[in-house]
Amino acid sequence: MTLSLDGLVLAPVADQSAGQVGTRTRFAYHEKDGAVWADYQGGDIVRGHLVGTRAGDRLDFRYVQLRTDGTTACGHCVSTVVELPDGRARLEETWEWESGPGSGTSVVEEVAAHAG
């Protein structure tokens, strides 16, 4: 069975550049019937939202966020869902800004219940 993201909290494993998500950012994921969405905040992000679709272990979504400096940004991301040996979820992401130049890769992993 494919690992469900519904109700999971994920966090980046490394910091990106200033104004982007980082290790203090937390994503609260939901999914139902092929739709995925999440709210996120923390670090340089005051509030962010993502929405998209899931087909098997592939996510395709768009995101928009408000940064602590008062600017906003939006982009597109394609992720692969991977189950770690300990059963936690990992997303291997390829993203690109649509509100400005830039693209890259990142990894987010499920935060263990005892971690913050």
C-alpha atoms as a PDB file:
ATOM      1  CA  MET A   1       0.000   0.000   0.000  1.00  0.00           C
ATOM      2  CA  THR A   2       1.190   3.508  -0.808  1.00  0.00           C
ATOM      3  CA  LEU A   3       2.254   5.552   2.206  1.00  0.00           C
ATOM      4  CA  SER A   4      -0.404   8.144   3.072  1.00  0.00           C
ATOM      5  CA  LEU A   5       0.640  11.724   3.843  1.00  0.00           C
ATOM      6  CA  ASP A   6      -2.692  12.566   5.461  1.00  0.00           C
ATOM      7  CA  GLY A   7      -2.162  14.050   8.916  1.00  0.00           C
ATOM      8  CA  LEU A   8       1.636  13.965   8.722  1.00  0.00           C
ATOM      9  CA  VAL A   9       3.969  16.810   9.703  1.00  0.00           C
ATOM     10  CA  LEU A  10       7.121  17.108   7.577  1.00  0.00           C
ATOM     11  CA  ALA A  11      10.184  19.352   7.808  1.00  0.00           C
ATOM     12  CA  PRO A  12      13.123  20.123   5.510  1.00  0.00           C
ATOM     13  CA  VAL A  13      16.338  18.248   6.310  1.00  0.00           C
ATOM     14  CA  ALA A  14      18.479  21.277   5.306  1.00  0.00           C
ATOM     15  CA  ASP A  15      18.117  25.041   5.136  1.00  0.00           C
ATOM     16  CA  GLN A  16      17.677  26.767   1.792  1.00  0.00           C
ATOM     17  CA  SER A  17      18.665  30.378   1.157  1.00  0.00           C
ATOM     18  CA  ALA A  18      17.100  33.214   3.165  1.00  0.00           C
ATOM     19  CA  GLY A  19      13.403  33.784   2.486  1.00  0.00           C
ATOM     20  CA  GLN A  20      12.745  30.148   1.706  1.00  0.00           C
ATOM     21  CA  VAL A  21      11.658  27.166   3.762  1.00  0.00           C
ATOM     22  CA  GLY A  22      14.207  25.809   6.212  1.00  0.00           C
ATOM     23  CA  THR A  23      14.664  23.307   9.017  1.00  0.00           C
ATOM     24  CA  ARG A  24      12.344  25.344  11.272  1.00  0.00           C
ATOM     25  CA  THR A  25       9.501  25.200   8.721  1.00  0.00           C
ATOM     26  CA  ARG A  26       6.761  22.649   9.364  1.00  0.00           C
ATOM     27  CA  PHE A  27       4.349  21.328   6.728  1.00  0.00           C
ATOM     28  CA  ALA A  28       0.997  19.861   7.853  1.00  0.00           C
ATOM     29  CA  TYR A  29      -0.049  17.554   4.990  1.00  0.00           C
ATOM     30  CA  HIS A  30      -3.466  16.252   4.014  1.00  0.00           C
ATOM     31  CA  GLU A  31      -4.589  14.072   1.140  1.00  0.00           C
ATOM     32  CA  LYS A  32      -7.830  12.580  -0.104  1.00  0.00           C
ATOM     33  CA  ASP A  33      -8.870  10.973  -3.397  1.00  0.00           C
ATOM     34  CA  GLY A  34      -5.754  12.068  -5.293  1.00  0.00           C
ATOM     35  CA  ALA A  35      -5.727  15.629  -3.936  1.00  0.00           C
ATOM     36  CA  VAL A  36      -2.915  16.861  -1.658  1.00  0.00           C
ATOM     37  CA  TRP A  37      -2.676  20.073   0.316  1.00  0.00           C
ATOM     38  CA  ALA A  38      -0.675  21.480   3.190  1.00  0.00           C
ATOM     39  CA  ASP A  39      -0.281  24.547   5.338  1.00  0.00           C
ATOM     40  CA  TYR A  40       3.205  25.510   6.412  1.00  0.00           C
ATOM     41  CA  GLN A  41       5.040  28.067   8.532  1.00  0.00           C
ATOM     42  CA  GLY A  42       8.196  28.610  10.511  1.00  0.00           C
ATOM     43  CA  GLY A  43      11.619  30.116  10.000  1.00  0.00           C
ATOM     44  CA  ASP A  44      11.412  32.771   7.262  1.00  0.00           C
ATOM     45  CA  ILE A  45       7.856  31.722   6.351  1.00  0.00           C
ATOM     46  CA  VAL A  46       4.924  33.427   8.106  1.00  0.00           C
ATOM     47  CA  ARG A  47       2.335  31.352   6.262  1.00  0.00           C
ATOM     48  CA  GLY A  48       2.341  29.112   3.225  1.00  0.00           C
ATOM     49  CA  HIS A  49      -0.107  26.903   1.386  1.00  0.00           C
ATOM     50  CA  LEU A  50       0.316  24.223  -1.235  1.00  0.00           C
ATOM     51  CA  VAL A  51      -2.252  22.364  -3.282  1.00  0.00           C
ATOM     52  CA  GLY A  52      -2.004  19.751  -5.988  1.00  0.00           C
ATOM     53  CA  THR A  53      -2.424  16.145  -6.977  1.00  0.00           C
ATOM     54  CA  ARG A  54      -0.966  12.750  -6.198  1.00  0.00           C
ATOM     55  CA  ALA A  55      -0.643   9.874  -8.666  1.00  0.00           C
ATOM     56  CA  GLY A  56       1.059   6.876  -7.062  1.00  0.00           C
ATOM     57  CA  ASP A  57       4.204   8.172  -5.388  1.00  0.00           C
ATOM     58  CA  ARG A  58       4.351  11.390  -7.436  1.00  0.00           C
ATOM     59  CA  LEU A  59       3.086  14.729  -6.123  1.00  0.00           C
ATOM     60  CA  ASP A  60       2.572  17.714  -8.426  1.00  0.00           C
ATOM     61  CA  PHE A  61       1.622  20.933  -6.666  1.00  0.00           C
ATOM     62  CA  ARG A  62       1.843  24.694  -6.586  1.00  0.00           C
ATOM     63  CA  TYR A  63       2.717  26.712  -3.512  1.00  0.00           C
ATOM     64  CA  VAL A  64       2.377  30.295  -2.314  1.00  0.00           C
ATOM     65  CA  GLN A  65       3.971  31.817   0.758  1.00  0.00           C
ATOM     66  CA  LEU A  66       4.292  35.004   2.814  1.00  0.00           C
ATOM     67  CA  ARG A  67       7.778  35.667   4.144  1.00  0.00           C
ATOM     68  CA  THR A  68       8.804  37.448   7.346  1.00  0.00           C
ATOM     69  CA  ASP A  69      10.113  40.372   5.249  1.00  0.00           C
ATOM     70  CA  GLY A  70       6.570  40.958   3.919  1.00  0.00           C
ATOM     71  CA  THR A  71       7.200  39.616   0.411  1.00  0.00           C
ATOM     72  CA  THR A  72       5.239  36.833  -1.248  1.00  0.00           C
ATOM     73  CA  ALA A  73       6.388  34.108  -3.599  1.00  0.00           C
ATOM     74  CA  CYS A  74       4.862  31.234  -5.545  1.00  0.00           C
ATOM     75  CA  GLY A  75       6.109  28.232  -7.436  1.00  0.00           C
ATOM     76  CA  HIS A  76       5.690  24.708  -8.719  1.00  0.00           C
ATOM     77  CA  CYS A  77       7.032  21.471  -7.242  1.00  0.00           C
ATOM     78  CA  VAL A  78       7.128  17.811  -8.254  1.00  0.00           C
ATOM     79  CA  SER A  79       7.943  15.372  -5.446  1.00  0.00           C
ATOM     80  CA  THR A  80       8.494  11.656  -5.067  1.00  0.00           C
ATOM     81  CA  VAL A  81       7.159   9.982  -1.923  1.00  0.00           C
ATOM     82  CA  VAL A  82       9.664   7.559  -0.361  1.00  0.00           C
ATOM     83  CA  GLU A  83       9.157   5.403   2.725  1.00  0.00           C
ATOM     84  CA  LEU A  84      12.230   5.475   4.972  1.00  0.00           C
ATOM     85  CA  PRO A  85      13.475   2.255   6.633  1.00  0.00           C
ATOM     86  CA  ASP A  86      11.926   3.409   9.936  1.00  0.00           C
ATOM     87  CA  GLY A  87       8.511   3.851   8.252  1.00  0.00           C
ATOM     88  CA  ARG A  88       8.571   7.657   8.094  1.00  0.00           C
ATOM     89  CA  ALA A  89       7.719   9.549   4.904  1.00  0.00           C
ATOM     90  CA  ARG A  90      10.303  11.421   2.829  1.00  0.00           C
ATOM     91  CA  LEU A  91       9.594  13.730  -0.120  1.00  0.00           C
ATOM     92  CA  GLU A  92      12.348  14.226  -2.685  1.00  0.00           C
ATOM     93  CA  GLU A  93      11.439  17.510  -4.356  1.00  0.00           C
ATOM     94  CA  THR A  94      12.288  19.396  -7.535  1.00  0.00           C
ATOM     95  CA  TRP A  95      10.924  22.924  -7.452  1.00  0.00           C
ATOM     96  CA  GLU A  96      10.929  26.157  -9.402  1.00  0.00           C
ATOM     97  CA  TRP A  97       9.807  29.666  -8.571  1.00  0.00           C
ATOM     98  CA  GLU A  98       7.069  31.078 -10.773  1.00  0.00           C
ATOM     99  CA  SER A  99       7.160  34.523  -9.127  1.00  0.00           C
ATOM    100  CA  GLY A 100      10.842  35.041  -9.951  1.00  0.00           C
ATOM    101  CA  PRO A 101      14.003  33.289 -11.067  1.00  0.00           C
ATOM    102  CA  GLY A 102      15.304  30.160  -9.396  1.00  0.00           C
ATOM    103  CA  SER A 103      14.888  26.425  -9.066  1.00  0.00           C
ATOM    104  CA  GLY A 104      16.386  23.584  -7.091  1.00  0.00           C
ATOM    105  CA  THR A 105      15.911  20.400  -5.164  1.00  0.00           C
ATOM    106  CA  SER A 106      15.097  19.744  -1.523  1.00  0.00           C
ATOM    107  CA  VAL A 107      14.133  16.954   0.840  1.00  0.00           C
ATOM    108  CA  VAL A 108      11.493  16.992   3.572  1.00  0.00           C
ATOM    109  CA  GLU A 109      10.953  14.174   6.051  1.00  0.00           C
ATOM    110  CA  GLU A 110       8.229  13.262   8.479  1.00  0.00           C
ATOM    111  CA  VAL A 111       8.886  14.665  11.936  1.00  0.00           C
ATOM    112  CA  ALA A 112       8.992  11.840  14.479  1.00  0.00           C
ATOM    113  CA  ALA A 113       6.204  12.059  17.053  1.00  0.00           C
ATOM    114  CA  HIS A 114       8.707  12.842  19.823  1.00  0.00           C
ATOM    115  CA  ALA A 115      10.558  15.526  17.817  1.00  0.00           C
ATOM    116  CA  GLY A 116       9.519  19.133  17.370  1.00  0.00           C
END
